Amino acid sequence: MMTEEFKHKIVIQSLSSIIDENGFEVEEWDDFICCYAKVENLRGKEFFEATVIQAESTVKFTIRYVNGIDESMRIT
């Protein structure tokens, strides 16, 4: 792959649990890695559901190999 394709900056985040100042467990997203990615729209569709237009889009992110990424993480 050519380097010019990796032009979108993304952040991959992992979910962690912390105890707040009141002693309650709170889940928060922590930055795992910030990197550049190639972004491709695979398909998109709109449909009507309960008289509201819903849009759906599937996006493919391609990055260089990073050890430790799993399915529980999210991309922002």
Protein backbone atom coordinates (compact mmCIF):
# COMPACT_ATOMS: atom_id res chain seq x y z
CA MET A 1 0.00 0.00 0.00
CA MET A 2 1.13 3.47 -0.72
CA THR A 3 1.82 5.85 2.15
CA GLU A 4 -0.40 8.59 0.66
CA GLU A 5 -3.46 6.39 1.27
CA PHE A 6 -2.99 6.61 5.06
CA LYS A 7 -4.14 10.23 5.37
CA HIS A 8 -6.94 10.04 7.95
CA LYS A 9 -5.91 10.44 11.60
CA ILE A 10 -7.84 8.09 13.91
CA VAL A 11 -7.73 7.22 17.60
CA ILE A 12 -8.29 3.65 18.79
CA GLN A 13 -9.70 3.57 22.32
CA SER A 14 -10.09 0.85 24.93
CA LEU A 15 -12.76 0.66 27.62
CA SER A 16 -11.57 0.66 31.23
CA SER A 17 -13.23 0.82 34.64
CA ILE A 18 -12.15 3.28 37.31
CA ILE A 19 -13.42 4.15 40.78
CA ASP A 20 -14.56 7.78 41.01
CA GLU A 21 -14.23 10.09 44.03
CA ASN A 22 -17.58 8.79 45.39
CA GLY A 23 -16.48 5.16 45.26
CA PHE A 24 -18.58 4.19 42.24
CA GLU A 25 -17.23 2.18 39.36
CA VAL A 26 -17.29 4.23 36.16
CA GLU A 27 -16.43 3.04 32.65
CA GLU A 28 -14.45 5.38 30.43
CA TRP A 29 -12.73 5.22 27.05
CA ASP A 30 -8.95 5.66 27.12
CA ASP A 31 -6.79 6.35 24.07
CA PHE A 32 -4.88 3.20 23.11
CA ILE A 33 -3.10 4.53 20.02
CA CYS A 34 -3.32 7.45 17.62
CA CYS A 35 -2.40 6.56 14.03
CA TYR A 36 -3.11 7.23 10.35
CA ALA A 37 -5.53 5.07 8.42
CA LYS A 38 -6.94 4.46 4.98
CA VAL A 39 -10.72 4.89 5.10
CA GLU A 40 -13.06 3.23 2.58
CA ASN A 41 -16.85 3.41 2.43
CA LEU A 42 -17.98 -0.10 1.59
CA ARG A 43 -21.71 0.48 1.24
CA GLY A 44 -24.45 2.73 2.44
CA LYS A 45 -28.21 2.57 2.52
CA GLU A 46 -31.17 4.50 3.81
CA PHE A 47 -34.43 2.98 4.92
CA PHE A 48 -37.66 4.05 6.59
CA GLU A 49 -38.38 2.78 10.08
CA ALA A 50 -41.24 4.12 12.20
CA THR A 51 -41.58 7.11 9.83
CA VAL A 52 -37.98 8.15 10.50
CA ILE A 53 -35.25 7.92 7.90
CA GLN A 54 -32.39 5.78 9.17
CA ALA A 55 -28.99 5.89 7.50
CA GLU A 56 -26.50 3.06 7.67
CA SER A 57 -22.91 3.15 6.51
CA THR A 58 -20.19 0.53 6.61
CA VAL A 59 -16.66 1.86 6.72
CA LYS A 60 -13.39 -0.06 6.45
CA PHE A 61 -10.31 1.26 8.27
CA THR A 62 -6.89 -0.04 7.24
CA ILE A 63 -3.87 0.67 9.45
CA ARG A 64 -0.39 -0.68 9.82
CA TYR A 65 -0.07 -3.64 12.23
CA VAL A 66 -0.38 -2.74 15.91
CA ASN A 67 -0.06 -5.43 18.60
CA GLY A 68 -2.82 -5.53 21.22
CA ILE A 69 -5.87 -4.32 19.27
CA ASP A 70 -9.02 -6.39 19.79
CA GLU A 71 -12.75 -6.34 19.00
CA SER A 72 -13.73 -4.57 22.23
CA MET A 73 -12.02 -1.33 21.15
CA ARG A 74 -13.58 1.54 19.22
CA ILE A 75 -12.36 4.02 16.60
CA THR A 76 -12.89 7.76 16.86
